[in-house]
Amino acid sequence: QVVRGPIFKILGEDGSMCNLNAMGRQAVLTQQGTYEMTGDSTYVENLLPSARNNFTPGQGRMKYRLEDGGRILRAQWFNEATGQWQPEMYVRVTLEGTK
């Protein structure tokens, strides 16, 4: 199943992270927390409680690979409830004055 956003995953240089869901002229912060790189292609998201969705607070294991010169992030997160890896894909958006 393909679910189209626009959903933005923001990974800050300071280890902060959040997901934003853009709906028309509004954006909703759907998840936030911190992340920690654990390997060349893995990181862990530490999610805070959220009233906006049903994700369980705590650690979320992620695997990823960069494609197209770092423009595309293909990620998978481990769903503890199903025991399966769930795919995600993000296109990099850079803002003026950022890396």
Protein backbone atom coordinates (compact mmCIF):
# COMPACT_ATOMS: atom_id res chain seq x y z
CA GLN A 1 0.00 0.00 0.00
CA VAL A 2 1.32 3.43 -0.93
CA VAL A 3 0.41 6.28 1.38
CA ARG A 4 1.18 9.72 0.04
CA GLY A 5 2.04 12.65 2.27
CA PRO A 6 3.07 15.22 2.35
CA ILE A 7 4.66 13.99 5.55
CA PHE A 8 7.98 15.49 6.53
CA LYS A 9 10.56 13.76 8.73
CA ILE A 10 12.94 16.30 10.22
CA LEU A 11 16.20 14.99 11.65
CA GLY A 12 18.04 17.81 13.41
CA GLU A 13 21.80 18.02 13.73
CA ASP A 14 21.33 18.12 17.52
CA GLY A 15 19.65 14.66 17.56
CA SER A 16 16.07 15.97 17.67
CA MET A 17 13.47 14.55 15.30
CA CYS A 18 9.86 15.15 14.39
CA ASN A 19 7.30 14.19 11.77
CA LEU A 20 5.01 16.84 10.29
CA ASN A 21 1.87 16.13 8.30
CA ALA A 22 1.01 18.96 5.91
CA MET A 23 -2.70 19.32 5.19
CA GLY A 24 -3.56 22.20 2.90
CA ARG A 25 -2.36 25.37 4.60
CA GLN A 26 -1.87 23.65 7.96
CA ALA A 27 0.85 21.41 9.35
CA VAL A 28 0.41 19.08 12.30
CA LEU A 29 3.27 17.79 14.42
CA THR A 30 2.43 14.08 14.56
CA GLN A 31 5.51 12.70 16.31
CA GLN A 32 8.58 14.03 18.04
CA GLY A 33 11.53 12.84 20.05
CA THR A 34 15.22 12.25 19.52
CA TYR A 35 17.28 9.95 17.35
CA GLU A 36 20.67 8.31 17.71
CA MET A 37 22.82 6.89 14.94
CA THR A 38 23.70 3.28 15.81
CA GLY A 39 25.57 2.25 12.65
CA ASP A 40 26.32 3.16 9.05
CA SER A 41 22.74 2.47 8.00
CA THR A 42 20.77 2.26 11.26
CA TYR A 43 19.42 4.62 13.86
CA VAL A 44 17.02 4.52 16.80
CA GLU A 45 14.16 6.97 17.24
CA ASN A 46 13.18 7.70 20.84
CA LEU A 47 9.53 8.71 20.50
CA LEU A 48 7.63 10.89 22.97
CA PRO A 49 3.95 10.21 23.76
CA SER A 50 1.58 11.68 21.15
CA ALA A 51 -2.16 12.24 21.16
CA ARG A 52 -2.16 12.46 17.34
CA ASN A 53 -1.45 8.83 16.49
CA ASN A 54 -1.21 5.33 17.88
CA PHE A 55 2.59 4.94 17.95
CA THR A 56 3.86 3.61 21.24
CA PRO A 57 6.31 5.93 22.99
CA GLY A 58 9.81 4.50 23.36
CA GLN A 59 12.47 3.29 20.99
CA GLY A 60 11.84 2.61 17.33
CA ARG A 61 14.48 0.74 15.32
CA MET A 62 15.15 2.12 11.86
CA LYS A 63 17.19 0.91 8.88
CA TYR A 64 17.86 3.22 5.97
CA ARG A 65 19.79 3.77 2.77
CA LEU A 66 20.39 6.93 0.80
CA GLU A 67 19.82 6.96 -2.96
CA ASP A 68 20.23 9.49 -5.76
CA GLY A 69 23.20 11.23 -4.14
CA GLY A 70 21.45 11.52 -0.76
CA ARG A 71 18.26 13.02 -2.19
CA ILE A 72 16.11 9.97 -1.37
CA LEU A 73 15.96 8.25 2.02
CA ARG A 74 14.52 4.76 1.96
CA ALA A 75 13.82 3.71 5.52
CA GLN A 76 12.26 0.75 7.29
CA TRP A 77 11.02 0.75 10.87
CA PHE A 78 10.44 -2.39 12.90
CA ASN A 79 6.82 -2.86 13.94
CA GLU A 80 6.97 -4.65 17.30
CA ALA A 81 3.25 -5.56 17.10
CA THR A 82 3.55 -7.44 13.78
CA GLY A 83 7.22 -8.42 13.93
CA GLN A 84 7.73 -6.98 10.44
CA TRP A 85 9.76 -4.16 8.89
CA GLN A 86 7.58 -1.35 7.45
CA PRO A 87 8.91 0.66 4.48
CA GLU A 88 9.01 4.44 4.23
CA MET A 89 10.45 6.79 1.60
CA TYR A 90 11.37 10.45 1.92
CA VAL A 91 12.68 12.97 -0.61
CA ARG A 92 15.23 15.37 0.84
CA VAL A 93 14.22 19.01 1.02
CA THR A 94 16.96 21.48 1.91
CA LEU A 95 16.20 24.91 3.23
CA GLU A 96 18.30 27.94 2.45
CA GLY A 97 21.20 28.16 4.90
CA THR A 98 21.14 24.46 5.87
CA LYS A 99 23.28 21.50 4.82
